[in-house]
PDB file of N, CA and C in Angstrom:
ATOM      1  N   MET A   1      32.603 -28.443 -20.100  1.00  0.00           N
ATOM      2  CA  MET A   1      34.178 -27.550 -20.046  1.00  0.00           C
ATOM      3  C   MET A   1      34.708 -28.027 -20.514  1.00  0.00           C
ATOM      4  N   ALA A   2      36.116 -26.422 -20.823  1.00  0.00           N
ATOM      5  CA  ALA A   2      37.191 -26.205 -21.103  1.00  0.00           C
ATOM      6  C   ALA A   2      37.974 -26.031 -20.945  1.00  0.00           C
ATOM      7  N   ARG A   3      39.336 -26.203 -21.831  1.00  0.00           N
ATOM      8  CA  ARG A   3      40.789 -26.404 -21.139  1.00  0.00           C
ATOM      9  C   ARG A   3      41.787 -25.756 -21.807  1.00  0.00           C
ATOM     10  N   ILE A   4      42.677 -25.035 -21.066  1.00  0.00           N
ATOM     11  CA  ILE A   4      43.520 -23.591 -21.717  1.00  0.00           C
ATOM     12  C   ILE A   4      44.709 -24.835 -21.347  1.00  0.00           C
ATOM     13  N   ILE A   5      45.494 -24.965 -22.776  1.00  0.00           N
ATOM     14  CA  ILE A   5      46.729 -25.756 -22.382  1.00  0.00           C
ATOM     15  C   ILE A   5      47.933 -24.062 -23.382  1.00  0.00           C
ATOM     16  N   VAL A   6      49.440 -24.566 -22.426  1.00  0.00           N
ATOM     17  CA  VAL A   6      50.116 -23.239 -23.071  1.00  0.00           C
ATOM     18  C   VAL A   6      51.253 -24.113 -23.192  1.00  0.00           C
ATOM     19  N   THR A   7      51.858 -24.286 -24.286  1.00  0.00           N
ATOM     20  CA  THR A   7      53.665 -24.698 -25.017  1.00  0.00           C
ATOM     21  C   THR A   7      53.990 -24.133 -25.430  1.00  0.00           C
ATOM     22  N   PRO A   8      55.305 -23.793 -25.590  1.00  0.00           N
ATOM     23  CA  PRO A   8      56.074 -22.641 -26.052  1.00  0.00           C
ATOM     24  C   PRO A   8      55.290 -22.930 -27.595  1.00  0.00           C
ATOM     25  N   ASP A   9      55.535 -24.533 -27.899  1.00  0.00           N
ATOM     26  CA  ASP A   9      55.514 -23.999 -29.448  1.00  0.00           C
ATOM     27  C   ASP A   9      55.239 -25.678 -30.580  1.00  0.00           C
ATOM     28  N   ASP A  10      54.260 -26.011 -31.350  1.00  0.00           N
ATOM     29  CA  ASP A  10      53.345 -26.968 -31.467  1.00  0.00           C
ATOM     30  C   ASP A  10      54.230 -28.699 -31.385  1.00  0.00           C
ATOM     31  N   GLN A  11      55.631 -28.409 -31.383  1.00  0.00           N
ATOM     32  CA  GLN A  11      56.682 -29.670 -31.787  1.00  0.00           C
ATOM     33  C   GLN A  11      56.955 -29.965 -30.077  1.00  0.00           C
ATOM     34  N   SER A  12      56.686 -29.001 -28.644  1.00  0.00           N
ATOM     35  CA  SER A  12      57.081 -29.271 -27.576  1.00  0.00           C
ATOM     36  C   SER A  12      56.330 -29.737 -27.030  1.00  0.00           C
ATOM     37  N   ASP A  13      56.958 -30.696 -25.600  1.00  0.00           N
ATOM     38  CA  ASP A  13      56.007 -31.303 -24.800  1.00  0.00           C
ATOM     39  C   ASP A  13      56.074 -31.242 -23.496  1.00  0.00           C
ATOM     40  N   VAL A  14      56.749 -29.543 -23.791  1.00  0.00           N
ATOM     41  CA  VAL A  14      56.553 -29.134 -22.140  1.00  0.00           C
ATOM     42  C   VAL A  14      55.150 -27.976 -22.108  1.00  0.00           C
ATOM     43  N   VAL A  15      54.797 -28.489 -21.340  1.00  0.00           N
ATOM     44  CA  VAL A  15      53.150 -28.014 -20.793  1.00  0.00           C
ATOM     45  C   VAL A  15      52.976 -26.662 -19.859  1.00  0.00           C
ATOM     46  N   LEU A  16      53.389 -25.588 -20.194  1.00  0.00           N
ATOM     47  CA  LEU A  16      53.402 -24.096 -19.163  1.00  0.00           C
ATOM     48  C   LEU A  16      52.258 -24.001 -18.524  1.00  0.00           C
ATOM     49  N   PHE A  17      51.171 -24.662 -19.267  1.00  0.00           N
ATOM     50  CA  PHE A  17      50.158 -23.814 -18.571  1.00  0.00           C
ATOM     51  C   PHE A  17      48.758 -24.348 -18.501  1.00  0.00           C
ATOM     52  N   ASP A  18      48.504 -25.709 -17.766  1.00  0.00           N
ATOM     53  CA  ASP A  18      47.033 -26.682 -18.124  1.00  0.00           C
ATOM     54  C   ASP A  18      45.756 -26.860 -17.367  1.00  0.00           C
ATOM     55  N   GLU A  19      44.122 -25.757 -17.540  1.00  0.00           N
ATOM     56  CA  GLU A  19      43.465 -25.913 -16.439  1.00  0.00           C
ATOM     57  C   GLU A  19      42.265 -25.478 -17.139  1.00  0.00           C
ATOM     58  N   ARG A  20      41.249 -26.424 -16.023  1.00  0.00           N
ATOM     59  CA  ARG A  20      40.272 -26.522 -16.961  1.00  0.00           C
ATOM     60  C   ARG A  20      39.540 -25.340 -16.393  1.00  0.00           C
ATOM     61  N   VAL A  21      38.835 -24.715 -17.355  1.00  0.00           N
ATOM     62  CA  VAL A  21      37.884 -23.575 -16.871  1.00  0.00           C
ATOM     63  C   VAL A  21      36.486 -23.884 -17.612  1.00  0.00           C
ATOM     64  N   TYR A  22      35.504 -23.228 -16.078  1.00  0.00           N
ATOM     65  CA  TYR A  22      33.908 -23.338 -16.367  1.00  0.00           C
ATOM     66  C   TYR A  22      33.634 -21.653 -16.338  1.00  0.00           C
ATOM     67  N   PRO A  23      32.287 -22.138 -17.375  1.00  0.00           N
ATOM     68  CA  PRO A  23      31.646 -21.265 -17.164  1.00  0.00           C
ATOM     69  C   PRO A  23      31.545 -20.061 -16.003  1.00  0.00           C
ATOM     70  N   ILE A  24      31.603 -20.660 -15.005  1.00  0.00           N
ATOM     71  CA  ILE A  24      32.049 -20.031 -13.224  1.00  0.00           C
ATOM     72  C   ILE A  24      32.662 -18.674 -13.499  1.00  0.00           C
ATOM     73  N   HIS A  25      33.514 -20.452 -13.852  1.00  0.00           N
ATOM     74  CA  HIS A  25      35.259 -18.916 -13.640  1.00  0.00           C
ATOM     75  C   HIS A  25      34.866 -17.760 -14.475  1.00  0.00           C
ATOM     76  N   LEU A  26      34.159 -17.505 -15.476  1.00  0.00           N
ATOM     77  CA  LEU A  26      34.097 -15.957 -16.177  1.00  0.00           C
ATOM     78  C   LEU A  26      32.692 -15.455 -16.249  1.00  0.00           C
ATOM     79  N   GLN A  27      32.058 -15.840 -15.198  1.00  0.00           N
ATOM     80  CA  GLN A  27      31.202 -15.141 -15.034  1.00  0.00           C
ATOM     81  C   GLN A  27      31.051 -13.808 -13.575  1.00  0.00           C
ATOM     82  N   ASN A  28      32.120 -13.375 -13.487  1.00  0.00           N
ATOM     83  CA  ASN A  28      32.437 -12.399 -12.621  1.00  0.00           C
ATOM     84  C   ASN A  28      33.430 -12.142 -13.027  1.00  0.00           C
ATOM     85  N   GLN A  29      33.824 -10.725 -13.074  1.00  0.00           N
ATOM     86  CA  GLN A  29      35.195  -9.774 -13.221  1.00  0.00           C
ATOM     87  C   GLN A  29      36.682 -10.048 -12.540  1.00  0.00           C
ATOM     88  N   LEU A  30      36.344 -10.396 -10.823  1.00  0.00           N
ATOM     89  CA  LEU A  30      37.561 -10.891 -10.466  1.00  0.00           C
ATOM     90  C   LEU A  30      38.076 -11.946 -10.898  1.00  0.00           C
ATOM     91  N   SER A  31      37.077 -13.186 -11.034  1.00  0.00           N
ATOM     92  CA  SER A  31      37.871 -14.776 -11.677  1.00  0.00           C
ATOM     93  C   SER A  31      38.032 -14.914 -13.134  1.00  0.00           C
ATOM     94  N   SER A  32      37.577 -14.057 -13.882  1.00  0.00           N
ATOM     95  CA  SER A  32      37.797 -14.120 -15.298  1.00  0.00           C
ATOM     96  C   SER A  32      39.325 -12.945 -15.824  1.00  0.00           C
ATOM     97  N   LEU A  33      39.484 -12.528 -14.289  1.00  0.00           N
ATOM     98  CA  LEU A  33      40.655 -11.471 -14.390  1.00  0.00           C
ATOM     99  C   LEU A  33      41.811 -12.343 -14.183  1.00  0.00           C
ATOM    100  N   GLN A  34      41.691 -13.256 -13.240  1.00  0.00           N
ATOM    101  CA  GLN A  34      42.305 -14.308 -12.528  1.00  0.00           C
ATOM    102  C   GLN A  34      42.600 -15.074 -13.450  1.00  0.00           C
ATOM    103  N   VAL A  35      41.700 -16.080 -14.385  1.00  0.00           N
ATOM    104  CA  VAL A  35      41.995 -16.689 -15.182  1.00  0.00           C
ATOM    105  C   VAL A  35      43.175 -16.184 -16.831  1.00  0.00           C
ATOM    106  N   ALA A  36      42.712 -14.956 -17.051  1.00  0.00           N
ATOM    107  CA  ALA A  36      43.253 -13.493 -17.538  1.00  0.00           C
ATOM    108  C   ALA A  36      45.236 -13.901 -17.151  1.00  0.00           C
ATOM    109  N   GLU A  37      44.774 -13.222 -16.190  1.00  0.00           N
ATOM    110  CA  GLU A  37      46.398 -12.973 -15.177  1.00  0.00           C
ATOM    111  C   GLU A  37      47.290 -14.357 -15.880  1.00  0.00           C
ATOM    112  N   ARG A  38      46.692 -15.456 -15.238  1.00  0.00           N
ATOM    113  CA  ARG A  38      47.228 -17.057 -15.269  1.00  0.00           C
ATOM    114  C   ARG A  38      47.329 -17.355 -16.834  1.00  0.00           C
ATOM    115  N   LEU A  39      46.809 -17.074 -17.615  1.00  0.00           N
ATOM    116  CA  LEU A  39      46.698 -17.626 -19.021  1.00  0.00           C
ATOM    117  C   LEU A  39      48.195 -16.465 -19.978  1.00  0.00           C
ATOM    118  N   ALA A  40      48.266 -14.917 -19.542  1.00  0.00           N
ATOM    119  CA  ALA A  40      48.820 -13.983 -19.781  1.00  0.00           C
ATOM    120  C   ALA A  40      50.390 -14.481 -19.148  1.00  0.00           C
ATOM    121  N   TRP A  41      50.758 -14.979 -17.838  1.00  0.00           N
ATOM    122  CA  TRP A  41      51.576 -15.608 -17.774  1.00  0.00           C
ATOM    123  C   TRP A  41      52.470 -16.916 -17.929  1.00  0.00           C
ATOM    124  N   ALA A  42      51.121 -17.828 -18.416  1.00  0.00           N
ATOM    125  CA  ALA A  42      52.493 -19.088 -19.602  1.00  0.00           C
ATOM    126  C   ALA A  42      52.017 -18.315 -20.287  1.00  0.00           C
ATOM    127  N   VAL A  43      51.354 -17.461 -21.225  1.00  0.00           N
ATOM    128  CA  VAL A  43      52.076 -17.012 -22.831  1.00  0.00           C
ATOM    129  C   VAL A  43      53.819 -16.107 -22.169  1.00  0.00           C
ATOM    130  N   GLU A  44      53.982 -15.956 -21.496  1.00  0.00           N
ATOM    131  CA  GLU A  44      55.200 -14.767 -21.778  1.00  0.00           C
ATOM    132  C   GLU A  44      55.745 -15.770 -20.877  1.00  0.00           C
ATOM    133  N   ASP A  45      55.692 -16.758 -20.459  1.00  0.00           N
ATOM    134  CA  ASP A  45      56.717 -18.329 -20.118  1.00  0.00           C
ATOM    135  C   ASP A  45      56.918 -19.053 -21.294  1.00  0.00           C
ATOM    136  N   ALA A  46      55.823 -19.046 -21.848  1.00  0.00           N
ATOM    137  CA  ALA A  46      56.301 -19.726 -22.788  1.00  0.00           C
ATOM    138  C   ALA A  46      57.052 -18.695 -24.230  1.00  0.00           C
ATOM    139  N   GLU A  47      56.796 -17.612 -24.647  1.00  0.00           N
ATOM    140  CA  GLU A  47      57.746 -16.723 -25.285  1.00  0.00           C
ATOM    141  C   GLU A  47      59.484 -17.377 -24.944  1.00  0.00           C
ATOM    142  N   GLU A  48      59.154 -16.747 -23.469  1.00  0.00           N
ATOM    143  CA  GLU A  48      60.847 -16.782 -22.832  1.00  0.00           C
ATOM    144  C   GLU A  48      61.279 -18.154 -22.917  1.00  0.00           C
ATOM    145  N   ALA A  49      60.521 -19.282 -23.149  1.00  0.00           N
ATOM    146  CA  ALA A  49      61.001 -21.172 -23.116  1.00  0.00           C
ATOM    147  C   ALA A  49      62.020 -21.239 -24.573  1.00  0.00           C
ATOM    148  N   ARG A  50      61.035 -20.051 -26.300  1.00  0.00           N
ATOM    149  CA  ARG A  50      61.461 -20.705 -27.858  1.00  0.00           C
ATOM    150  C   ARG A  50      62.934 -19.669 -27.361  1.00  0.00           C
ATOM    151  N   PRO A  51      63.729 -20.170 -28.480  1.00  0.00           N
ATOM    152  CA  PRO A  51      64.886 -19.353 -29.065  1.00  0.00           C
ATOM    153  C   PRO A  51      64.786 -17.826 -29.153  1.00  0.00           C
ATOM    154  N   GLU A  52      66.122 -18.091 -29.230  1.00  0.00           N
ATOM    155  CA  GLU A  52      65.769 -15.787 -28.810  1.00  0.00           C
ATOM    156  C   GLU A  52      65.318 -15.288 -30.294  1.00  0.00           C
ATOM    157  N   GLY A  53      66.464 -16.402 -31.113  1.00  0.00           N
ATOM    158  CA  GLY A  53      65.469 -15.455 -32.950  1.00  0.00           C
ATOM    159  C   GLY A  53      64.085 -16.124 -33.139  1.00  0.00           C
ATOM    160  N   GLU A  54      63.776 -16.229 -32.158  1.00  0.00           N
ATOM    161  CA  GLU A  54      62.593 -17.233 -32.037  1.00  0.00           C
ATOM    162  C   GLU A  54      61.063 -15.567 -31.678  1.00  0.00           C
ATOM    163  N   ARG A  55      61.502 -15.421 -31.139  1.00  0.00           N
ATOM    164  CA  ARG A  55      61.177 -14.749 -29.595  1.00  0.00           C
ATOM    165  C   ARG A  55      60.522 -13.352 -30.826  1.00  0.00           C
ATOM    166  N   ARG A  56      59.691 -13.033 -30.302  1.00  0.00           N
ATOM    167  CA  ARG A  56      58.479 -12.068 -30.698  1.00  0.00           C
ATOM    168  C   ARG A  56      58.348 -10.905 -29.340  1.00  0.00           C
ATOM    169  N   ARG A  57      58.315  -9.924 -29.194  1.00  0.00           N
ATOM    170  CA  ARG A  57      58.652  -8.823 -28.217  1.00  0.00           C
ATOM    171  C   ARG A  57      57.041  -8.482 -27.759  1.00  0.00           C
ATOM    172  N   ILE A  58      55.627  -8.941 -27.558  1.00  0.00           N
ATOM    173  CA  ILE A  58      54.633  -8.182 -27.296  1.00  0.00           C
ATOM    174  C   ILE A  58      54.643  -8.298 -25.789  1.00  0.00           C
ATOM    175  N   ARG A  59      53.852  -6.735 -24.954  1.00  0.00           N
ATOM    176  CA  ARG A  59      53.706  -6.263 -24.174  1.00  0.00           C
ATOM    177  C   ARG A  59      52.101  -6.680 -24.003  1.00  0.00           C
ATOM    178  N   MET A  60      51.885  -6.675 -23.027  1.00  0.00           N
ATOM    179  CA  MET A  60      50.144  -7.017 -22.468  1.00  0.00           C
ATOM    180  C   MET A  60      50.319  -6.380 -21.353  1.00  0.00           C
ATOM    181  N   SER A  61      49.243  -5.578 -20.778  1.00  0.00           N
ATOM    182  CA  SER A  61      48.659  -5.109 -20.064  1.00  0.00           C
ATOM    183  C   SER A  61      46.653  -5.221 -19.712  1.00  0.00           C
ATOM    184  N   LEU A  62      46.915  -5.839 -18.277  1.00  0.00           N
ATOM    185  CA  LEU A  62      45.485  -6.095 -17.885  1.00  0.00           C
ATOM    186  C   LEU A  62      44.809  -5.139 -17.705  1.00  0.00           C
ATOM    187  N   PRO A  63      43.358  -4.835 -17.504  1.00  0.00           N
ATOM    188  CA  PRO A  63      42.821  -3.675 -16.519  1.00  0.00           C
ATOM    189  C   PRO A  63      42.931  -4.122 -15.153  1.00  0.00           C
ATOM    190  N   ALA A  64      43.339  -2.682 -14.408  1.00  0.00           N
ATOM    191  CA  ALA A  64      43.072  -2.815 -13.451  1.00  0.00           C
ATOM    192  C   ALA A  64      42.021  -3.097 -12.442  1.00  0.00           C
TER     193      ALA A  64
END
Protein backbone atom coordinates (compact mmCIF):
# COMPACT_ATOMS: atom_id res chain seq x y z
CA MET A 1 0.00 0.00 0.00
CA ALA A 2 1.26 3.45 -0.92
CA ARG A 3 0.40 6.70 0.76
CA ILE A 4 0.18 10.15 -0.82
CA ILE A 5 0.69 13.15 1.46
CA VAL A 6 0.60 16.78 0.29
CA THR A 7 1.87 19.64 2.46
CA PRO A 8 2.59 23.24 1.41
CA ASP A 9 6.32 22.79 2.02
CA ASP A 10 8.88 20.67 3.87
CA GLN A 11 8.66 22.71 7.07
CA SER A 12 4.86 22.76 7.31
CA ASP A 13 2.94 20.47 9.61
CA VAL A 14 -0.28 21.24 7.70
CA VAL A 15 -1.50 18.22 5.74
CA LEU A 16 -3.77 19.09 2.83
CA PHE A 17 -4.10 15.58 1.45
CA ASP A 18 -3.40 12.20 3.01
CA GLU A 19 -4.65 9.17 1.13
CA ARG A 20 -3.74 5.51 1.01
CA VAL A 21 -3.66 4.24 -2.55
CA TYR A 22 -3.88 0.60 -3.51
CA PRO A 23 -3.13 -0.82 -6.97
CA ILE A 24 -6.85 -1.39 -7.52
CA HIS A 25 -7.37 2.39 -7.38
CA LEU A 26 -5.25 2.74 -10.52
CA GLN A 27 -6.50 -0.24 -12.51
CA ASN A 28 -9.30 1.53 -14.33
CA GLN A 29 -9.56 4.94 -15.91
CA LEU A 30 -12.35 6.33 -13.72
CA SER A 31 -10.82 5.55 -10.34
CA SER A 32 -7.30 6.55 -11.43
CA LEU A 33 -8.62 9.89 -12.74
CA GLN A 34 -10.43 10.42 -9.43
CA VAL A 35 -7.18 9.90 -7.51
CA ALA A 36 -5.37 12.27 -9.88
CA GLU A 37 -8.13 14.87 -9.52
CA ARG A 38 -7.99 14.81 -5.71
CA LEU A 39 -4.20 15.06 -5.87
CA ALA A 40 -4.41 18.03 -8.27
CA TRP A 41 -6.82 19.83 -5.92
CA ALA A 42 -4.45 19.28 -2.99
CA VAL A 43 -1.45 20.52 -4.96
CA GLU A 44 -3.37 23.66 -5.96
CA ASP A 45 -4.42 24.20 -2.33
CA ALA A 46 -0.80 23.76 -1.23
CA GLU A 47 0.33 26.37 -3.74
CA GLU A 48 -2.34 28.79 -2.49
CA ALA A 49 -1.18 28.23 1.11
CA ARG A 50 2.36 29.37 0.28
CA PRO A 51 3.31 33.04 0.77
CA GLU A 52 2.65 35.22 -2.29
CA GLY A 53 6.33 35.71 -3.10
CA GLU A 54 6.98 31.96 -3.21
CA ARG A 55 4.07 30.99 -5.47
CA ARG A 56 4.46 29.76 -9.00
CA ARG A 57 1.35 29.56 -11.11
CA ILE A 58 1.18 26.37 -13.12
CA ARG A 59 -2.10 25.19 -14.58
CA MET A 60 -2.76 21.53 -15.13
CA SER A 61 -5.72 20.02 -16.89
CA LEU A 62 -6.78 16.41 -16.75
CA PRO A 63 -8.15 14.61 -19.77
CA ALA A 64 -11.94 14.57 -19.93
